[in-house]
């Protein structure tokens, strides 16, 4: 089946938790052939904090994750 990218709205700050939960459900229900990547759009940024360089991850779209999947009733229910 053809996979497409879908945007899923989550609570801001809970993107990693939502991603882990979806991945766990995919594994438990043996639906890995219907899903591709699950991404949290972010980049690493170097900042100066108290005179020292610190690297942190900055999200492009807080509160959203991208899911590559074949859309049908079962996959929609799993993500929802």
PDB file of N, CA and C in Angstrom:
ATOM      1  N   UNK A   1       0.843  -1.186   0.000  1.00  0.00           N
ATOM      2  CA  UNK A   1       0.000   0.000   0.000  1.00  0.00           C
ATOM      3  C   UNK A   1       0.884   1.242   0.000  1.00  0.00           C
ATOM      4  N   UNK A   2       0.350   2.310  -0.544  1.00  0.00           N
ATOM      5  CA  UNK A   2       1.082   3.568  -0.638  1.00  0.00           C
ATOM      6  C   UNK A   2       1.002   4.333   0.674  1.00  0.00           C
ATOM      7  N   UNK A   3       2.150   4.707   1.224  1.00  0.00           N
ATOM      8  CA  UNK A   3       2.192   5.460   2.484  1.00  0.00           C
ATOM      9  C   UNK A   3       2.292   6.947   2.191  1.00  0.00           C
ATOM     10  N   UNK A   4       1.599   7.742   3.001  1.00  0.00           N
ATOM     11  CA  UNK A   4       1.641   9.197   2.890  1.00  0.00           C
ATOM     12  C   UNK A   4       1.947   9.777   4.260  1.00  0.00           C
ATOM     13  N   UNK A   5       2.370  11.040   4.275  1.00  0.00           N
ATOM     14  CA  UNK A   5       2.675  11.732   5.527  1.00  0.00           C
ATOM     15  C   UNK A   5       1.420  12.395   6.072  1.00  0.00           C
ATOM     16  N   UNK A   6       1.212  12.233   7.388  1.00  0.00           N
ATOM     17  CA  UNK A   6       0.087  12.857   8.073  1.00  0.00           C
ATOM     18  C   UNK A   6       0.622  13.595   9.294  1.00  0.00           C
ATOM     19  N   UNK A   7      -0.029  14.699   9.642  1.00  0.00           N
ATOM     20  CA  UNK A   7       0.358  15.507  10.797  1.00  0.00           C
ATOM     21  C   UNK A   7      -0.614  15.218  11.925  1.00  0.00           C
ATOM     22  N   UNK A   8      -0.063  14.896  13.103  1.00  0.00           N
ATOM     23  CA  UNK A   8      -0.875  14.552  14.260  1.00  0.00           C
ATOM     24  C   UNK A   8      -0.674  15.616  15.328  1.00  0.00           C
ATOM     25  N   UNK A   9      -1.754  16.174  15.833  1.00  0.00           N
ATOM     26  CA  UNK A   9      -1.695  17.196  16.875  1.00  0.00           C
ATOM     27  C   UNK A   9      -1.591  16.517  18.238  1.00  0.00           C
ATOM     28  N   UNK A  10      -0.620  16.959  19.053  1.00  0.00           N
ATOM     29  CA  UNK A  10      -0.429  16.436  20.406  1.00  0.00           C
ATOM     30  C   UNK A  10      -0.352  17.612  21.371  1.00  0.00           C
ATOM     31  N   UNK A  11      -0.277  17.318  22.649  1.00  0.00           N
ATOM     32  CA  UNK A  11      -0.054  18.373  23.625  1.00  0.00           C
ATOM     33  C   UNK A  11       1.375  18.884  23.471  1.00  0.00           C
ATOM     34  N   UNK A  12       1.565  20.182  23.572  1.00  0.00           N
ATOM     35  CA  UNK A  12       2.899  20.755  23.480  1.00  0.00           C
ATOM     36  C   UNK A  12       3.759  20.235  24.623  1.00  0.00           C
ATOM     37  N   UNK A  13       4.930  19.728  24.278  1.00  0.00           N
ATOM     38  CA  UNK A  13       5.834  19.168  25.266  1.00  0.00           C
ATOM     39  C   UNK A  13       5.697  17.671  25.432  1.00  0.00           C
ATOM     40  N   UNK A  14       4.665  17.086  24.859  1.00  0.00           N
ATOM     41  CA  UNK A  14       4.420  15.641  24.990  1.00  0.00           C
ATOM     42  C   UNK A  14       4.634  14.907  23.666  1.00  0.00           C
ATOM     43  N   UNK A  15       5.388  15.498  22.754  1.00  0.00           N
ATOM     44  CA  UNK A  15       5.586  14.883  21.449  1.00  0.00           C
ATOM     45  C   UNK A  15       6.316  13.548  21.558  1.00  0.00           C
ATOM     46  N   UNK A  16       7.359  13.484  22.381  1.00  0.00           N
ATOM     47  CA  UNK A  16       8.130  12.244  22.526  1.00  0.00           C
ATOM     48  C   UNK A  16       7.283  11.144  23.161  1.00  0.00           C
ATOM     49  N   UNK A  17       6.447  11.502  24.121  1.00  0.00           N
ATOM     50  CA  UNK A  17       5.559  10.530  24.755  1.00  0.00           C
ATOM     51  C   UNK A  17       4.548   9.985  23.750  1.00  0.00           C
ATOM     52  N   UNK A  18       3.981  10.858  22.928  1.00  0.00           N
ATOM     53  CA  UNK A  18       3.018  10.431  21.915  1.00  0.00           C
ATOM     54  C   UNK A  18       3.684   9.531  20.888  1.00  0.00           C
ATOM     55  N   UNK A  19       4.899   9.873  20.473  1.00  0.00           N
ATOM     56  CA  UNK A  19       5.639   9.050  19.510  1.00  0.00           C
ATOM     57  C   UNK A  19       5.904   7.660  20.080  1.00  0.00           C
ATOM     58  N   UNK A  20       6.366   7.594  21.329  1.00  0.00           N
ATOM     59  CA  UNK A  20       6.652   6.303  21.969  1.00  0.00           C
ATOM     60  C   UNK A  20       5.379   5.467  22.108  1.00  0.00           C
ATOM     61  N   UNK A  21       4.274   6.108  22.442  1.00  0.00           N
ATOM     62  CA  UNK A  21       3.011   5.400  22.597  1.00  0.00           C
ATOM     63  C   UNK A  21       2.539   4.813  21.268  1.00  0.00           C
ATOM     64  N   UNK A  22       2.634   5.583  20.196  1.00  0.00           N
ATOM     65  CA  UNK A  22       2.234   5.095  18.878  1.00  0.00           C
ATOM     66  C   UNK A  22       3.120   3.933  18.450  1.00  0.00           C
ATOM     67  N   UNK A  23       4.446   4.071  18.661  1.00  0.00           N
ATOM     68  CA  UNK A  23       5.364   2.993  18.285  1.00  0.00           C
ATOM     69  C   UNK A  23       5.081   1.716  19.073  1.00  0.00           C
ATOM     70  N   UNK A  24       4.750   1.856  20.352  1.00  0.00           N
ATOM     71  CA  UNK A  24       4.434   0.687  21.179  1.00  0.00           C
ATOM     72  C   UNK A  24       3.163  -0.002  20.688  1.00  0.00           C
ATOM     73  N   UNK A  25       2.135   0.784  20.350  1.00  0.00           N
ATOM     74  CA  UNK A  25       0.885   0.206  19.857  1.00  0.00           C
ATOM     75  C   UNK A  25       1.070  -0.467  18.507  1.00  0.00           C
ATOM     76  N   UNK A  26       1.918   0.112  17.641  1.00  0.00           N
ATOM     77  CA  UNK A  26       2.207  -0.508  16.342  1.00  0.00           C
ATOM     78  C   UNK A  26       2.840  -1.877  16.552  1.00  0.00           C
ATOM     79  N   UNK A  27       3.789  -1.948  17.480  1.00  0.00           N
ATOM     80  CA  UNK A  27       4.470  -3.216  17.757  1.00  0.00           C
ATOM     81  C   UNK A  27       3.502  -4.239  18.360  1.00  0.00           C
ATOM     82  N   UNK A  28       2.677  -3.816  19.325  1.00  0.00           N
ATOM     83  CA  UNK A  28       1.742  -4.736  19.984  1.00  0.00           C
ATOM     84  C   UNK A  28       0.680  -5.278  19.036  1.00  0.00           C
ATOM     85  N   UNK A  29       0.234  -4.461  18.100  1.00  0.00           N
ATOM     86  CA  UNK A  29      -0.819  -4.883  17.173  1.00  0.00           C
ATOM     87  C   UNK A  29      -0.270  -5.452  15.867  1.00  0.00           C
ATOM     88  N   UNK A  30       1.062  -5.556  15.749  1.00  0.00           N
ATOM     89  CA  UNK A  30       1.732  -6.122  14.561  1.00  0.00           C
ATOM     90  C   UNK A  30       1.278  -5.429  13.277  1.00  0.00           C
ATOM     91  N   UNK A  31       1.352  -4.098  13.279  1.00  0.00           N
ATOM     92  CA  UNK A  31       0.944  -3.317  12.114  1.00  0.00           C
ATOM     93  C   UNK A  31       2.124  -2.556  11.501  1.00  0.00           C
ATOM     94  N   UNK A  32       3.334  -3.049  11.700  1.00  0.00           N
ATOM     95  CA  UNK A  32       4.514  -2.319  11.258  1.00  0.00           C
ATOM     96  C   UNK A  32       4.598  -2.164   9.739  1.00  0.00           C
ATOM     97  N   UNK A  33       3.966  -3.055   8.979  1.00  0.00           N
ATOM     98  CA  UNK A  33       4.009  -2.941   7.517  1.00  0.00           C
ATOM     99  C   UNK A  33       3.171  -1.768   7.016  1.00  0.00           C
ATOM    100  N   UNK A  34       2.262  -1.256   7.825  1.00  0.00           N
ATOM    101  CA  UNK A  34       1.414  -0.128   7.423  1.00  0.00           C
ATOM    102  C   UNK A  34       1.979   1.223   7.816  1.00  0.00           C
ATOM    103  N   UNK A  35       3.045   1.226   8.632  1.00  0.00           N
ATOM    104  CA  UNK A  35       3.630   2.473   9.123  1.00  0.00           C
ATOM    105  C   UNK A  35       5.071   2.607   8.654  1.00  0.00           C
ATOM    106  N   UNK A  36       5.477   3.850   8.451  1.00  0.00           N
ATOM    107  CA  UNK A  36       6.859   4.167   8.128  1.00  0.00           C
ATOM    108  C   UNK A  36       7.480   4.895   9.308  1.00  0.00           C
ATOM    109  N   UNK A  37       8.073   6.037   9.033  1.00  0.00           N
ATOM    110  CA  UNK A  37       8.723   6.824  10.072  1.00  0.00           C
ATOM    111  C   UNK A  37       7.718   7.636  10.882  1.00  0.00           C
ATOM    112  N   UNK A  38       8.096   7.928  12.116  1.00  0.00           N
ATOM    113  CA  UNK A  38       7.356   8.864  12.957  1.00  0.00           C
ATOM    114  C   UNK A  38       8.367   9.902  13.395  1.00  0.00           C
ATOM    115  N   UNK A  39       8.147  11.159  13.018  1.00  0.00           N
ATOM    116  CA  UNK A  39       9.139  12.207  13.243  1.00  0.00           C
ATOM    117  C   UNK A  39       8.616  13.316  14.143  1.00  0.00           C
ATOM    118  N   UNK A  40       9.525  13.844  14.965  1.00  0.00           N
ATOM    119  CA  UNK A  40       9.280  15.069  15.706  1.00  0.00           C
ATOM    120  C   UNK A  40      10.184  16.109  15.050  1.00  0.00           C
ATOM    121  N   UNK A  41       9.610  17.058  14.305  1.00  0.00           N
ATOM    122  CA  UNK A  41      10.449  18.011  13.568  1.00  0.00           C
ATOM    123  C   UNK A  41      11.208  18.935  14.519  1.00  0.00           C
ATOM    124  N   UNK A  42      12.544  18.764  14.560  1.00  0.00           N
ATOM    125  CA  UNK A  42      13.370  19.569  15.457  1.00  0.00           C
ATOM    126  C   UNK A  42      14.774  19.712  14.891  1.00  0.00           C
ATOM    127  N   UNK A  43      15.537  20.625  15.461  1.00  0.00           N
ATOM    128  CA  UNK A  43      16.931  20.830  15.088  1.00  0.00           C
ATOM    129  C   UNK A  43      17.747  21.087  16.345  1.00  0.00           C
ATOM    130  N   UNK A  44      19.031  20.807  16.281  1.00  0.00           N
ATOM    131  CA  UNK A  44      19.921  21.088  17.401  1.00  0.00           C
ATOM    132  C   UNK A  44      20.471  22.494  17.251  1.00  0.00           C
ATOM    133  N   UNK A  45      20.394  23.280  18.325  1.00  0.00           N
ATOM    134  CA  UNK A  45      20.826  24.671  18.318  1.00  0.00           C
ATOM    135  C   UNK A  45      21.872  24.860  19.403  1.00  0.00           C
ATOM    136  N   UNK A  46      22.960  25.599  19.069  1.00  0.00           N
ATOM    137  CA  UNK A  46      23.995  25.910  20.051  1.00  0.00           C
ATOM    138  C   UNK A  46      23.703  27.295  20.607  1.00  0.00           C
ATOM    139  N   UNK A  47      23.604  27.410  21.928  1.00  0.00           N
ATOM    140  CA  UNK A  47      23.327  28.683  22.593  1.00  0.00           C
ATOM    141  C   UNK A  47      24.420  28.978  23.607  1.00  0.00           C
ATOM    142  N   UNK A  48      24.561  30.242  23.924  1.00  0.00           N
ATOM    143  CA  UNK A  48      25.470  30.644  24.987  1.00  0.00           C
ATOM    144  C   UNK A  48      24.673  30.806  26.273  1.00  0.00           C
ATOM    145  N   UNK A  49      25.039  30.027  27.292  1.00  0.00           N
ATOM    146  CA  UNK A  49      24.381  30.086  28.585  1.00  0.00           C
ATOM    147  C   UNK A  49      25.458  30.325  29.635  1.00  0.00           C
ATOM    148  N   UNK A  50      25.418  31.497  30.271  1.00  0.00           N
ATOM    149  CA  UNK A  50      26.405  31.877  31.286  1.00  0.00           C
ATOM    150  C   UNK A  50      27.830  31.762  30.760  1.00  0.00           C
ATOM    151  N   UNK A  51      28.031  32.170  29.498  1.00  0.00           N
ATOM    152  CA  UNK A  51      29.353  32.159  28.896  1.00  0.00           C
ATOM    153  C   UNK A  51      29.801  30.821  28.359  1.00  0.00           C
ATOM    154  N   UNK A  52      28.990  29.803  28.449  1.00  0.00           N
ATOM    155  CA  UNK A  52      29.345  28.478  27.943  1.00  0.00           C
ATOM    156  C   UNK A  52      28.382  28.078  26.833  1.00  0.00           C
ATOM    157  N   UNK A  53      28.918  27.306  25.885  1.00  0.00           N
ATOM    158  CA  UNK A  53      28.072  26.826  24.801  1.00  0.00           C
ATOM    159  C   UNK A  53      27.244  25.645  25.288  1.00  0.00           C
ATOM    160  N   UNK A  54      25.972  25.677  24.970  1.00  0.00           N
ATOM    161  CA  UNK A  54      25.065  24.581  25.332  1.00  0.00           C
ATOM    162  C   UNK A  54      24.253  24.213  24.085  1.00  0.00           C
ATOM    163  N   UNK A  55      24.122  22.931  23.853  1.00  0.00           N
ATOM    164  CA  UNK A  55      23.342  22.440  22.719  1.00  0.00           C
ATOM    165  C   UNK A  55      21.992  21.954  23.221  1.00  0.00           C
ATOM    166  N   UNK A  56      20.934  22.406  22.544  1.00  0.00           N
ATOM    167  CA  UNK A  56      19.597  21.951  22.904  1.00  0.00           C
ATOM    168  C   UNK A  56      18.810  21.712  21.624  1.00  0.00           C
ATOM    169  N   UNK A  57      17.746  20.953  21.754  1.00  0.00           N
ATOM    170  CA  UNK A  57      16.886  20.644  20.628  1.00  0.00           C
ATOM    171  C   UNK A  57      15.739  21.653  20.591  1.00  0.00           C
ATOM    172  N   UNK A  58      15.537  22.268  19.427  1.00  0.00           N
ATOM    173  CA  UNK A  58      14.460  23.233  19.246  1.00  0.00           C
ATOM    174  C   UNK A  58      13.464  22.656  18.256  1.00  0.00           C
ATOM    175  N   UNK A  59      12.193  22.647  18.617  1.00  0.00           N
ATOM    176  CA  UNK A  59      11.143  22.086  17.763  1.00  0.00           C
ATOM    177  C   UNK A  59      10.665  23.130  16.758  1.00  0.00           C
ATOM    178  N   UNK A  60      10.508  22.693  15.501  1.00  0.00           N
ATOM    179  CA  UNK A  60       9.968  23.574  14.464  1.00  0.00           C
ATOM    180  C   UNK A  60       8.475  23.807  14.666  1.00  0.00           C
ATOM    181  N   UNK A  61       7.756  22.740  14.988  1.00  0.00           N
ATOM    182  CA  UNK A  61       6.305  22.803  15.158  1.00  0.00           C
ATOM    183  C   UNK A  61       5.923  22.189  16.499  1.00  0.00           C
ATOM    184  N   UNK A  62       5.986  22.955  17.583  1.00  0.00           N
ATOM    185  CA  UNK A  62       5.623  22.395  18.891  1.00  0.00           C
ATOM    186  C   UNK A  62       4.172  21.915  18.898  1.00  0.00           C
ATOM    187  N   UNK A  63       3.961  20.720  19.436  1.00  0.00           N
ATOM    188  CA  UNK A  63       2.617  20.178  19.516  1.00  0.00           C
ATOM    189  C   UNK A  63       2.218  19.323  18.337  1.00  0.00           C
ATOM    190  N   UNK A  64       3.157  19.026  17.418  1.00  0.00           N
ATOM    191  CA  UNK A  64       2.836  18.221  16.249  1.00  0.00           C
ATOM    192  C   UNK A  64       3.895  17.161  16.024  1.00  0.00           C
ATOM    193  N   UNK A  65       3.469  15.999  15.520  1.00  0.00           N
ATOM    194  CA  UNK A  65       4.389  14.969  15.055  1.00  0.00           C
ATOM    195  C   UNK A  65       3.958  14.555  13.657  1.00  0.00           C
ATOM    196  N   UNK A  66       4.904  14.064  12.863  1.00  0.00           N
ATOM    197  CA  UNK A  66       4.626  13.630  11.500  1.00  0.00           C
ATOM    198  C   UNK A  66       4.670  12.111  11.463  1.00  0.00           C
ATOM    199  N   UNK A  67       3.636  11.506  10.860  1.00  0.00           N
ATOM    200  CA  UNK A  67       3.530  10.048  10.792  1.00  0.00           C
ATOM    201  C   UNK A  67       3.396   9.639   9.329  1.00  0.00           C
ATOM    202  N   UNK A  68       4.264   8.728   8.893  1.00  0.00           N
ATOM    203  CA  UNK A  68       4.203   8.180   7.548  1.00  0.00           C
ATOM    204  C   UNK A  68       3.463   6.850   7.644  1.00  0.00           C
ATOM    205  N   UNK A  69       2.257   6.771   7.021  1.00  0.00           N
ATOM    206  CA  UNK A  69       1.454   5.563   7.153  1.00  0.00           C
ATOM    207  C   UNK A  69       0.490   5.417   5.993  1.00  0.00           C
ATOM    208  N   UNK A  70      -0.024   4.198   5.841  1.00  0.00           N
ATOM    209  CA  UNK A  70      -1.115   3.919   4.914  1.00  0.00           C
ATOM    210  C   UNK A  70      -2.410   4.133   5.696  1.00  0.00           C
ATOM    211  N   UNK A  71      -3.236   5.030   5.232  1.00  0.00           N
ATOM    212  CA  UNK A  71      -4.445   5.382   5.975  1.00  0.00           C
ATOM    213  C   UNK A  71      -5.573   4.397   5.700  1.00  0.00           C
ATOM    214  N   UNK A  72      -6.080   3.791   6.769  1.00  0.00           N
ATOM    215  CA  UNK A  72      -7.304   2.993   6.735  1.00  0.00           C
ATOM    216  C   UNK A  72      -7.936   3.108   8.118  1.00  0.00           C
ATOM    217  N   UNK A  73      -9.042   2.448   8.332  1.00  0.00           N
ATOM    218  CA  UNK A  73      -9.758   2.583   9.606  1.00  0.00           C
ATOM    219  C   UNK A  73      -8.910   2.125  10.797  1.00  0.00           C
ATOM    220  N   UNK A  74      -8.163   1.024  10.633  1.00  0.00           N
ATOM    221  CA  UNK A  74      -7.366   0.489  11.734  1.00  0.00           C
ATOM    222  C   UNK A  74      -6.197   1.407  12.099  1.00  0.00           C
ATOM    223  N   UNK A  75      -5.494   1.923  11.078  1.00  0.00           N
ATOM    224  CA  UNK A  75      -4.353   2.803  11.368  1.00  0.00           C
ATOM    225  C   UNK A  75      -4.825   4.138  11.945  1.00  0.00           C
ATOM    226  N   UNK A  76      -5.950   4.651  11.438  1.00  0.00           N
ATOM    227  CA  UNK A  76      -6.481   5.893  11.966  1.00  0.00           C
ATOM    228  C   UNK A  76      -6.859   5.731  13.435  1.00  0.00           C
ATOM    229  N   UNK A  77      -7.498   4.609  13.771  1.00  0.00           N
ATOM    230  CA  UNK A  77      -7.902   4.354  15.147  1.00  0.00           C
ATOM    231  C   UNK A  77      -6.675   4.214  16.046  1.00  0.00           C
ATOM    232  N   UNK A  78      -5.619   3.560  15.575  1.00  0.00           N
ATOM    233  CA  UNK A  78      -4.400   3.397  16.364  1.00  0.00           C
ATOM    234  C   UNK A  78      -3.773   4.755  16.694  1.00  0.00           C
ATOM    235  N   UNK A  79      -3.689   5.640  15.722  1.00  0.00           N
ATOM    236  CA  UNK A  79      -3.070   6.953  15.933  1.00  0.00           C
ATOM    237  C   UNK A  79      -3.972   7.866  16.743  1.00  0.00           C
ATOM    238  N   UNK A  80      -5.262   7.776  16.519  1.00  0.00           N
ATOM    239  CA  UNK A  80      -6.211   8.637  17.210  1.00  0.00           C
ATOM    240  C   UNK A  80      -6.218   8.339  18.682  1.00  0.00           C
TER     241      UNK A  80
END
